[in-house]
Amino acid sequence: MNSALFPDVIVNGELVPHTLIAAETQNQTAPKGKPGLAWRKAANAMAVRTLLLQEARSRQIAADPQEVSPGRFETEEEALIRGLLDDAVNVDLPSAEDIRAEWGKDPDRFRAPVLWEVSHILIACDPRDEAATSKARVRATVLAGFAMSDPTGFAALAARESDCASRSSGGSLGQIGPGDTVPEFEAALKTLKDGEITAEPVLTRHGYHVIRLDALADGAVLPFDAVRSKIAMALEKTEWARAARAFIDQLVSAADITGIDLRPD
């Protein structure tokens, strides 16, 4: 290990193992060819983690691991850090005036989800099978050409050629909203106008799709009462994040840290 590039990180006399920093680098982004930047980001993250764990133990915080997803529980260290922040970071709930003012900045931000009425033709394949995928793309490209040249015949083409059960209804999927389909399909929908067909087939894990946007319904602006609680939660979350950052900055200012510079800009 090059000590000039990757010096030891010591927090209040406790060495942060290089193995932990190396493991953390996979969670950090950095330009290609600049592993040193990813390392420094990881070193910063692990130093803060070490500092928080030291503070949690000095306050005798009890670790109480909680379930964070089905079958997955916090580690003891994650529980200690959460317990510390619960103990140290307290924010006031946003006032009714704050919530109303946030909504009033731009009520147009708060809309019901968009709805797409969609039809498609599926040419099924497993994208992991290169030969099958190549064959499916050729077929899909031909079908896309047919659909573009005769838009009124889309339903008949889907009924005859699609590998999806929706062929029984001319390829119609009905109305779908954000999150109802796979990301690649949804991304393609966002580029289409009413009645438009994808000129190039769209590949998803199900195969290639020729997609037609039959109709688009923009989400209506929601009234204040419908979004009041959502705005309140967002304001509270923002304030909590600010207070947590201030708490960490206080710990950093009082700590003896070598190997990195954690001082706020």
C-alpha atoms as a PDB file:
ATOM      1  CA  MET A   1       0.000   0.000   0.000  1.00  0.00           C
ATOM      2  CA  ASN A   2       1.423   3.386  -1.015  1.00  0.00           C
ATOM      3  CA  SER A   3       1.335   5.383   2.234  1.00  0.00           C
ATOM      4  CA  ALA A   4       1.754   8.686   0.381  1.00  0.00           C
ATOM      5  CA  LEU A   5      -1.354   8.106  -1.719  1.00  0.00           C
ATOM      6  CA  PHE A   6      -3.332   6.267   0.956  1.00  0.00           C
ATOM      7  CA  PRO A   7      -2.170   7.432   4.400  1.00  0.00           C
ATOM      8  CA  ASP A   8      -3.436   5.845   7.575  1.00  0.00           C
ATOM      9  CA  VAL A   9      -6.711   7.376   8.751  1.00  0.00           C
ATOM     10  CA  ILE A  10      -6.787   7.776  12.528  1.00  0.00           C
ATOM     11  CA  VAL A  11      -9.825   9.082  14.398  1.00  0.00           C
ATOM     12  CA  ASN A  12      -9.267  10.020  18.040  1.00  0.00           C
ATOM     13  CA  GLY A  13      -6.437   7.519  18.220  1.00  0.00           C
ATOM     14  CA  GLU A  14      -8.394   4.712  16.481  1.00  0.00           C
ATOM     15  CA  LEU A  15      -6.990   3.432  13.195  1.00  0.00           C
ATOM     16  CA  VAL A  16      -9.544   2.948  10.433  1.00  0.00           C
ATOM     17  CA  PRO A  17      -8.451  -0.321   8.752  1.00  0.00           C
ATOM     18  CA  HIS A  18      -7.487  -0.028   5.089  1.00  0.00           C
ATOM     19  CA  THR A  19      -9.558  -3.148   4.425  1.00  0.00           C
ATOM     20  CA  LEU A  20     -12.720  -1.333   5.505  1.00  0.00           C
ATOM     21  CA  ILE A  21     -11.904   1.678   3.341  1.00  0.00           C
ATOM     22  CA  ALA A  22     -11.161  -0.579   0.371  1.00  0.00           C
ATOM     23  CA  ALA A  23     -14.519  -2.342   0.809  1.00  0.00           C
ATOM     24  CA  GLU A  24     -16.320   1.020   0.956  1.00  0.00           C
ATOM     25  CA  THR A  25     -14.811   2.225  -2.346  1.00  0.00           C
ATOM     26  CA  GLN A  26     -17.351   0.116  -4.252  1.00  0.00           C
ATOM     27  CA  ASN A  27     -20.080   2.413  -2.901  1.00  0.00           C
ATOM     28  CA  GLN A  28     -18.339   5.577  -4.099  1.00  0.00           C
ATOM     29  CA  THR A  29     -18.365   7.126  -7.565  1.00  0.00           C
ATOM     30  CA  ALA A  30     -15.273   8.520  -9.238  1.00  0.00           C
ATOM     31  CA  PRO A  31     -14.117   9.265 -12.802  1.00  0.00           C
ATOM     32  CA  LYS A  32     -12.630   6.294 -14.614  1.00  0.00           C
ATOM     33  CA  GLY A  33      -8.911   6.017 -13.998  1.00  0.00           C
ATOM     34  CA  LYS A  34      -9.006   7.950 -10.720  1.00  0.00           C
ATOM     35  CA  PRO A  35      -9.162   5.293  -7.992  1.00  0.00           C
ATOM     36  CA  GLY A  36      -7.551   7.721  -5.561  1.00  0.00           C
ATOM     37  CA  LEU A  37     -10.692   9.879  -5.564  1.00  0.00           C
ATOM     38  CA  ALA A  38     -12.912   6.894  -4.763  1.00  0.00           C
ATOM     39  CA  TRP A  39     -10.496   5.941  -1.990  1.00  0.00           C
ATOM     40  CA  ARG A  40     -10.612   9.419  -0.450  1.00  0.00           C
ATOM     41  CA  LYS A  41     -14.419   9.441  -0.554  1.00  0.00           C
ATOM     42  CA  ALA A  42     -14.458   6.011   1.091  1.00  0.00           C
ATOM     43  CA  ALA A  43     -11.926   7.122   3.695  1.00  0.00           C
ATOM     44  CA  ASN A  44     -14.095  10.141   4.528  1.00  0.00           C
ATOM     45  CA  ALA A  45     -17.196   7.955   4.869  1.00  0.00           C
ATOM     46  CA  MET A  46     -15.469   5.414   7.106  1.00  0.00           C
ATOM     47  CA  ALA A  47     -13.916   8.127   9.256  1.00  0.00           C
ATOM     48  CA  VAL A  48     -17.352   9.667   9.863  1.00  0.00           C
ATOM     49  CA  ARG A  49     -18.733   6.199  10.632  1.00  0.00           C
ATOM     50  CA  THR A  50     -15.922   5.622  13.141  1.00  0.00           C
ATOM     51  CA  LEU A  51     -16.563   9.004  14.743  1.00  0.00           C
ATOM     52  CA  LEU A  52     -20.288   8.293  15.095  1.00  0.00           C
ATOM     53  CA  LEU A  53     -19.651   4.870  16.606  1.00  0.00           C
ATOM     54  CA  GLN A  54     -17.236   6.383  19.110  1.00  0.00           C
ATOM     55  CA  GLU A  55     -19.844   8.965  20.121  1.00  0.00           C
ATOM     56  CA  ALA A  56     -22.589   6.327  20.367  1.00  0.00           C
ATOM     57  CA  ARG A  57     -20.470   4.222  22.708  1.00  0.00           C
ATOM     58  CA  SER A  58     -19.450   7.229  24.785  1.00  0.00           C
ATOM     59  CA  ARG A  59     -23.175   7.983  25.274  1.00  0.00           C
ATOM     60  CA  GLN A  60     -23.803   4.308  26.042  1.00  0.00           C
ATOM     61  CA  ILE A  61     -26.371   4.021  23.265  1.00  0.00           C
ATOM     62  CA  ALA A  62     -27.918   0.544  23.246  1.00  0.00           C
ATOM     63  CA  ALA A  63     -27.934  -1.226  19.891  1.00  0.00           C
ATOM     64  CA  ASP A  64     -31.418  -2.393  18.921  1.00  0.00           C
ATOM     65  CA  PRO A  65     -31.197  -3.740  15.361  1.00  0.00           C
ATOM     66  CA  GLN A  66     -34.404  -3.259  13.410  1.00  0.00           C
ATOM     67  CA  GLU A  67     -35.713  -4.923  10.268  1.00  0.00           C
ATOM     68  CA  VAL A  68     -35.031  -2.617   7.321  1.00  0.00           C
ATOM     69  CA  SER A  69     -36.442  -4.889   4.604  1.00  0.00           C
ATOM     70  CA  PRO A  70     -38.055  -8.338   4.634  1.00  0.00           C
ATOM     71  CA  GLY A  71     -35.565 -10.667   6.301  1.00  0.00           C
ATOM     72  CA  ARG A  72     -32.790  -8.052   6.464  1.00  0.00           C
ATOM     73  CA  PHE A  73     -31.872  -6.505   9.832  1.00  0.00           C
ATOM     74  CA  GLU A  74     -29.486  -3.712  10.727  1.00  0.00           C
ATOM     75  CA  THR A  75     -26.035  -4.663  11.887  1.00  0.00           C
ATOM     76  CA  GLU A  76     -25.159  -3.729  15.463  1.00  0.00           C
ATOM     77  CA  GLU A  77     -23.081  -0.799  14.197  1.00  0.00           C
ATOM     78  CA  GLU A  78     -25.909   0.462  11.968  1.00  0.00           C
ATOM     79  CA  ALA A  79     -28.262   0.248  14.950  1.00  0.00           C
ATOM     80  CA  LEU A  80     -25.799   2.168  17.131  1.00  0.00           C
ATOM     81  CA  ILE A  81     -25.503   4.988  14.598  1.00  0.00           C
ATOM     82  CA  ARG A  82     -29.269   5.182  14.137  1.00  0.00           C
ATOM     83  CA  GLY A  83     -29.729   5.224  17.909  1.00  0.00           C
ATOM     84  CA  LEU A  84     -27.165   8.001  18.278  1.00  0.00           C
ATOM     85  CA  LEU A  85     -28.805  10.170  15.644  1.00  0.00           C
ATOM     86  CA  ASP A  86     -32.244   9.533  17.150  1.00  0.00           C
ATOM     87  CA  ASP A  87     -30.824  10.691  20.485  1.00  0.00           C
ATOM     88  CA  ALA A  88     -28.825  13.669  19.247  1.00  0.00           C
ATOM     89  CA  VAL A  89     -30.802  15.088  16.344  1.00  0.00           C
ATOM     90  CA  ASN A  90     -34.180  16.604  17.083  1.00  0.00           C
ATOM     91  CA  VAL A  91     -36.088  18.962  14.827  1.00  0.00           C
ATOM     92  CA  ASP A  92     -39.351  20.810  15.182  1.00  0.00           C
ATOM     93  CA  LEU A  93     -42.260  19.779  13.009  1.00  0.00           C
ATOM     94  CA  PRO A  94     -42.921  22.264  10.190  1.00  0.00           C
ATOM     95  CA  SER A  95     -45.627  24.773  10.978  1.00  0.00           C
ATOM     96  CA  ALA A  96     -48.842  25.087   8.998  1.00  0.00           C
ATOM     97  CA  GLU A  97     -47.472  28.375   7.632  1.00  0.00           C
ATOM     98  CA  ASP A  98     -44.244  26.698   6.475  1.00  0.00           C
ATOM     99  CA  ILE A  99     -46.169  23.940   4.716  1.00  0.00           C
ATOM    100  CA  ARG A 100     -48.514  26.388   2.997  1.00  0.00           C
ATOM    101  CA  ALA A 101     -45.571  28.591   1.926  1.00  0.00           C
ATOM    102  CA  GLU A 102     -43.726  25.610   0.415  1.00  0.00           C
ATOM    103  CA  TRP A 103     -46.825  24.612  -1.561  1.00  0.00           C
ATOM    104  CA  GLY A 104     -47.333  28.195  -2.668  1.00  0.00           C
ATOM    105  CA  LYS A 105     -43.872  28.418  -4.261  1.00  0.00           C
ATOM    106  CA  ASP A 106     -45.088  26.284  -7.177  1.00  0.00           C
ATOM    107  CA  PRO A 107     -48.342  24.307  -6.798  1.00  0.00           C
ATOM    108  CA  ASP A 108     -47.738  22.871 -10.282  1.00  0.00           C
ATOM    109  CA  ARG A 109     -45.038  20.615  -8.775  1.00  0.00           C
ATOM    110  CA  PHE A 110     -47.686  18.561  -7.035  1.00  0.00           C
ATOM    111  CA  ARG A 111     -49.529  16.516  -9.613  1.00  0.00           C
ATOM    112  CA  ALA A 112     -51.289  13.185  -9.841  1.00  0.00           C
ATOM    113  CA  PRO A 113     -49.242  10.586 -11.746  1.00  0.00           C
ATOM    114  CA  VAL A 114     -49.353  10.697 -15.538  1.00  0.00           C
ATOM    115  CA  LEU A 115     -51.316   7.930 -17.268  1.00  0.00           C
ATOM    116  CA  TRP A 116     -50.361   6.359 -20.579  1.00  0.00           C
ATOM    117  CA  GLU A 117     -52.773   4.348 -22.703  1.00  0.00           C
ATOM    118  CA  VAL A 118     -50.504   1.931 -24.534  1.00  0.00           C
ATOM    119  CA  SER A 119     -50.435  -0.831 -27.111  1.00  0.00           C
ATOM    120  CA  HIS A 120     -47.409  -2.902 -28.026  1.00  0.00           C
ATOM    121  CA  ILE A 121     -46.096  -5.826 -30.002  1.00  0.00           C
ATOM    122  CA  LEU A 122     -43.701  -8.086 -28.101  1.00  0.00           C
ATOM    123  CA  ILE A 123     -41.043 -10.181 -29.765  1.00  0.00           C
ATOM    124  CA  ALA A 124     -40.004 -12.336 -26.839  1.00  0.00           C
ATOM    125  CA  CYS A 125     -36.369 -13.297 -26.213  1.00  0.00           C
ATOM    126  CA  ASP A 126     -33.896 -13.695 -23.399  1.00  0.00           C
ATOM    127  CA  PRO A 127     -31.441 -10.776 -23.669  1.00  0.00           C
ATOM    128  CA  ARG A 128     -28.747 -13.027 -22.202  1.00  0.00           C
ATOM    129  CA  ASP A 129     -28.984 -15.225 -25.311  1.00  0.00           C
ATOM    130  CA  GLU A 130     -27.061 -13.283 -27.942  1.00  0.00           C
ATOM    131  CA  ALA A 131     -28.216 -15.331 -30.916  1.00  0.00           C
ATOM    132  CA  ALA A 132     -31.894 -15.257 -29.904  1.00  0.00           C
ATOM    133  CA  THR A 133     -31.706 -11.531 -29.174  1.00  0.00           C
ATOM    134  CA  SER A 134     -30.179 -10.777 -32.567  1.00  0.00           C
ATOM    135  CA  LYS A 135     -32.877 -12.800 -34.308  1.00  0.00           C
ATOM    136  CA  ALA A 136     -35.622 -11.097 -32.281  1.00  0.00           C
ATOM    137  CA  ARG A 137     -34.262  -7.646 -33.123  1.00  0.00           C
ATOM    138  CA  VAL A 138     -34.426  -8.365 -36.849  1.00  0.00           C
ATOM    139  CA  ARG A 139     -38.041  -9.497 -36.516  1.00  0.00           C
ATOM    140  CA  ALA A 140     -38.935  -6.536 -34.311  1.00  0.00           C
ATOM    141  CA  THR A 141     -37.354  -4.060 -36.719  1.00  0.00           C
ATOM    142  CA  VAL A 142     -39.385  -5.473 -39.607  1.00  0.00           C
ATOM    143  CA  LEU A 143     -42.593  -5.291 -37.576  1.00  0.00           C
ATOM    144  CA  ALA A 144     -41.800  -1.719 -36.490  1.00  0.00           C
ATOM    145  CA  GLY A 145     -41.483  -0.814 -40.167  1.00  0.00           C
ATOM    146  CA  PHE A 146     -44.864  -2.378 -40.944  1.00  0.00           C
ATOM    147  CA  ALA A 147     -46.452  -0.542 -38.004  1.00  0.00           C
ATOM    148  CA  MET A 148     -44.972   2.816 -39.037  1.00  0.00           C
ATOM    149  CA  SER A 149     -46.118   2.414 -42.632  1.00  0.00           C
ATOM    150  CA  ASP A 150     -49.686   1.480 -41.638  1.00  0.00           C
ATOM    151  CA  PRO A 151     -50.512   2.860 -38.144  1.00  0.00           C
ATOM    152  CA  THR A 152     -54.195   1.983 -38.503  1.00  0.00           C
ATOM    153  CA  GLY A 153     -53.262  -1.689 -38.862  1.00  0.00           C
ATOM    154  CA  PHE A 154     -51.349  -1.819 -35.556  1.00  0.00           C
ATOM    155  CA  ALA A 155     -54.004  -3.825 -33.697  1.00  0.00           C
ATOM    156  CA  ALA A 156     -54.253  -6.413 -36.454  1.00  0.00           C
ATOM    157  CA  LEU A 157     -50.447  -6.673 -36.629  1.00  0.00           C
ATOM    158  CA  ALA A 158     -50.234  -7.158 -32.862  1.00  0.00           C
ATOM    159  CA  ALA A 159     -52.992  -9.782 -32.913  1.00  0.00           C
ATOM    160  CA  ARG A 160     -51.095 -11.714 -35.555  1.00  0.00           C
ATOM    161  CA  GLU A 161     -47.457 -11.268 -34.493  1.00  0.00           C
ATOM    162  CA  SER A 162     -47.131 -10.380 -30.797  1.00  0.00           C
ATOM    163  CA  ASP A 163     -45.793 -12.877 -28.268  1.00  0.00           C
ATOM    164  CA  CYS A 164     -47.678 -11.128 -25.447  1.00  0.00           C
ATOM    165  CA  ALA A 165     -51.083 -12.238 -24.175  1.00  0.00           C
ATOM    166  CA  SER A 166     -52.268  -8.702 -25.023  1.00  0.00           C
ATOM    167  CA  ARG A 167     -52.421  -9.818 -28.669  1.00  0.00           C
ATOM    168  CA  SER A 168     -55.987 -10.965 -27.940  1.00  0.00           C
ATOM    169  CA  SER A 169     -56.894  -7.268 -27.503  1.00  0.00           C
ATOM    170  CA  GLY A 170     -54.834  -5.954 -30.399  1.00  0.00           C
ATOM    171  CA  GLY A 171     -51.780  -5.386 -28.224  1.00  0.00           C
ATOM    172  CA  SER A 172     -53.586  -3.029 -25.861  1.00  0.00           C
ATOM    173  CA  LEU A 173     -52.182  -2.806 -22.343  1.00  0.00           C
ATOM    174  CA  GLY A 174     -54.810  -0.308 -21.245  1.00  0.00           C
ATOM    175  CA  GLN A 175     -53.782   2.538 -18.952  1.00  0.00           C
ATOM    176  CA  ILE A 176     -50.497   2.305 -17.077  1.00  0.00           C
ATOM    177  CA  GLY A 177     -48.727   4.720 -14.791  1.00  0.00           C
ATOM    178  CA  PRO A 178     -45.192   5.297 -13.525  1.00  0.00           C
ATOM    179  CA  GLY A 179     -43.702   2.112 -12.090  1.00  0.00           C
ATOM    180  CA  ASP A 180     -46.261  -0.185 -13.720  1.00  0.00           C
ATOM    181  CA  THR A 181     -43.801  -1.461 -16.297  1.00  0.00           C
ATOM    182  CA  VAL A 182     -40.059  -2.050 -16.651  1.00  0.00           C
ATOM    183  CA  PRO A 183     -37.787   1.029 -16.759  1.00  0.00           C
ATOM    184  CA  GLU A 184     -36.790   0.716 -20.425  1.00  0.00           C
ATOM    185  CA  PHE A 185     -40.429   0.512 -21.528  1.00  0.00           C
ATOM    186  CA  GLU A 186     -41.392   3.501 -19.390  1.00  0.00           C
ATOM    187  CA  ALA A 187     -38.441   5.527 -20.651  1.00  0.00           C
ATOM    188  CA  ALA A 188     -39.611   4.952 -24.234  1.00  0.00           C
ATOM    189  CA  LEU A 189     -43.150   6.044 -23.347  1.00  0.00           C
ATOM    190  CA  LYS A 190     -41.842   9.373 -22.086  1.00  0.00           C
ATOM    191  CA  THR A 191     -40.460  10.158 -25.540  1.00  0.00           C
ATOM    192  CA  LEU A 192     -43.705   9.524 -27.438  1.00  0.00           C
ATOM    193  CA  LYS A 193     -46.589  11.791 -28.402  1.00  0.00           C
ATOM    194  CA  ASP A 194     -50.215  10.695 -28.801  1.00  0.00           C
ATOM    195  CA  GLY A 195     -50.520   8.129 -31.589  1.00  0.00           C
ATOM    196  CA  GLU A 196     -46.758   7.864 -32.059  1.00  0.00           C
ATOM    197  CA  ILE A 197     -44.973   4.514 -32.557  1.00  0.00           C
ATOM    198  CA  THR A 198     -41.392   3.764 -31.569  1.00  0.00           C
ATOM    199  CA  ALA A 199     -39.307   3.820 -34.747  1.00  0.00           C
ATOM    200  CA  GLU A 200     -36.767   1.468 -33.157  1.00  0.00           C
ATOM    201  CA  PRO A 201     -37.755  -1.588 -31.107  1.00  0.00           C
ATOM    202  CA  VAL A 202     -37.187  -1.274 -27.365  1.00  0.00           C
ATOM    203  CA  LEU A 203     -35.298  -4.042 -25.563  1.00  0.00           C
ATOM    204  CA  THR A 204     -36.331  -5.076 -22.042  1.00  0.00           C
ATOM    205  CA  ARG A 205     -35.835  -8.261 -20.064  1.00  0.00           C
ATOM    206  CA  HIS A 206     -38.942  -9.617 -21.796  1.00  0.00           C
ATOM    207  CA  GLY A 207     -37.652  -9.059 -25.324  1.00  0.00           C
ATOM    208  CA  TYR A 208     -38.167  -6.395 -27.986  1.00  0.00           C
ATOM    209  CA  HIS A 209     -41.233  -4.154 -28.007  1.00  0.00           C
ATOM    210  CA  VAL A 210     -42.803  -2.065 -30.739  1.00  0.00           C
ATOM    211  CA  ILE A 211     -44.739   0.490 -28.698  1.00  0.00           C
ATOM    212  CA  ARG A 212     -47.610   2.785 -29.628  1.00  0.00           C
ATOM    213  CA  LEU A 213     -48.794   5.545 -27.304  1.00  0.00           C
ATOM    214  CA  ASP A 214     -52.543   5.589 -27.811  1.00  0.00           C
ATOM    215  CA  ALA A 215     -53.257   8.473 -25.427  1.00  0.00           C
ATOM    216  CA  LEU A 216     -51.552  10.525 -22.738  1.00  0.00           C
ATOM    217  CA  ALA A 217     -53.275  11.949 -19.666  1.00  0.00           C
ATOM    218  CA  ASP A 218     -51.155  14.452 -17.766  1.00  0.00           C
ATOM    219  CA  GLY A 219     -51.645  14.287 -14.026  1.00  0.00           C
ATOM    220  CA  ALA A 220     -53.872  17.039 -12.675  1.00  0.00           C
ATOM    221  CA  VAL A 221     -52.519  19.546 -10.158  1.00  0.00           C
ATOM    222  CA  LEU A 222     -53.436  18.279  -6.707  1.00  0.00           C
ATOM    223  CA  PRO A 223     -55.178  20.518  -4.170  1.00  0.00           C
ATOM    224  CA  PHE A 224     -53.250  21.655  -1.106  1.00  0.00           C
ATOM    225  CA  ASP A 225     -55.123  19.364   1.288  1.00  0.00           C
ATOM    226  CA  ALA A 226     -54.137  16.322  -0.795  1.00  0.00           C
ATOM    227  CA  VAL A 227     -50.410  17.051  -0.539  1.00  0.00           C
ATOM    228  CA  ARG A 228     -50.172  18.717   2.877  1.00  0.00           C
ATOM    229  CA  SER A 229     -48.779  15.619   4.636  1.00  0.00           C
ATOM    230  CA  LYS A 230     -46.324  14.888   1.817  1.00  0.00           C
ATOM    231  CA  ILE A 231     -44.946  18.427   1.981  1.00  0.00           C
ATOM    232  CA  ALA A 232     -44.707  18.243   5.768  1.00  0.00           C
ATOM    233  CA  MET A 233     -42.712  15.015   5.568  1.00  0.00           C
ATOM    234  CA  ALA A 234     -40.370  16.478   2.947  1.00  0.00           C
ATOM    235  CA  LEU A 235     -39.739  19.617   5.006  1.00  0.00           C
ATOM    236  CA  GLU A 236     -39.102  17.580   8.143  1.00  0.00           C
ATOM    237  CA  LYS A 237     -36.705  15.280   6.272  1.00  0.00           C
ATOM    238  CA  THR A 238     -34.781  18.251   4.862  1.00  0.00           C
ATOM    239  CA  GLU A 239     -34.507  19.889   8.275  1.00  0.00           C
ATOM    240  CA  TRP A 240     -33.423  16.604   9.867  1.00  0.00           C
ATOM    241  CA  ALA A 241     -30.675  16.146   7.263  1.00  0.00           C
ATOM    242  CA  ARG A 242     -29.439  19.694   7.922  1.00  0.00           C
ATOM    243  CA  ALA A 243     -29.410  19.128  11.684  1.00  0.00           C
ATOM    244  CA  ALA A 244     -27.653  15.761  11.308  1.00  0.00           C
ATOM    245  CA  ARG A 245     -24.975  17.366   9.140  1.00  0.00           C
ATOM    246  CA  ALA A 246     -24.485  20.110  11.743  1.00  0.00           C
ATOM    247  CA  PHE A 247     -24.167  17.479  14.490  1.00  0.00           C
ATOM    248  CA  ILE A 248     -21.515  15.580  12.509  1.00  0.00           C
ATOM    249  CA  ASP A 249     -19.646  18.828  11.810  1.00  0.00           C
ATOM    250  CA  GLN A 250     -19.562  19.480  15.561  1.00  0.00           C
ATOM    251  CA  LEU A 251     -18.102  16.029  16.189  1.00  0.00           C
ATOM    252  CA  VAL A 252     -15.502  16.573  13.458  1.00  0.00           C
ATOM    253  CA  SER A 253     -14.496  19.958  14.881  1.00  0.00           C
ATOM    254  CA  ALA A 254     -13.897  18.429  18.316  1.00  0.00           C
ATOM    255  CA  ALA A 255     -12.111  15.313  17.023  1.00  0.00           C
ATOM    256  CA  ASP A 256      -8.438  14.549  16.413  1.00  0.00           C
ATOM    257  CA  ILE A 257      -8.367  13.189  12.857  1.00  0.00           C
ATOM    258  CA  THR A 258      -5.289  12.509  10.740  1.00  0.00           C
ATOM    259  CA  GLY A 259      -4.948  11.127   7.218  1.00  0.00           C
ATOM    260  CA  ILE A 260      -7.908  13.072   5.781  1.00  0.00           C
ATOM    261  CA  ASP A 261      -9.538  16.481   6.103  1.00  0.00           C
ATOM    262  CA  LEU A 262     -13.184  16.332   7.148  1.00  0.00           C
ATOM    263  CA  ARG A 263     -13.572  20.008   7.910  1.00  0.00           C
ATOM    264  CA  PRO A 264     -16.686  21.472   6.236  1.00  0.00           C
ATOM    265  CA  ASP A 265     -16.113  23.757   3.244  1.00  0.00           C
END
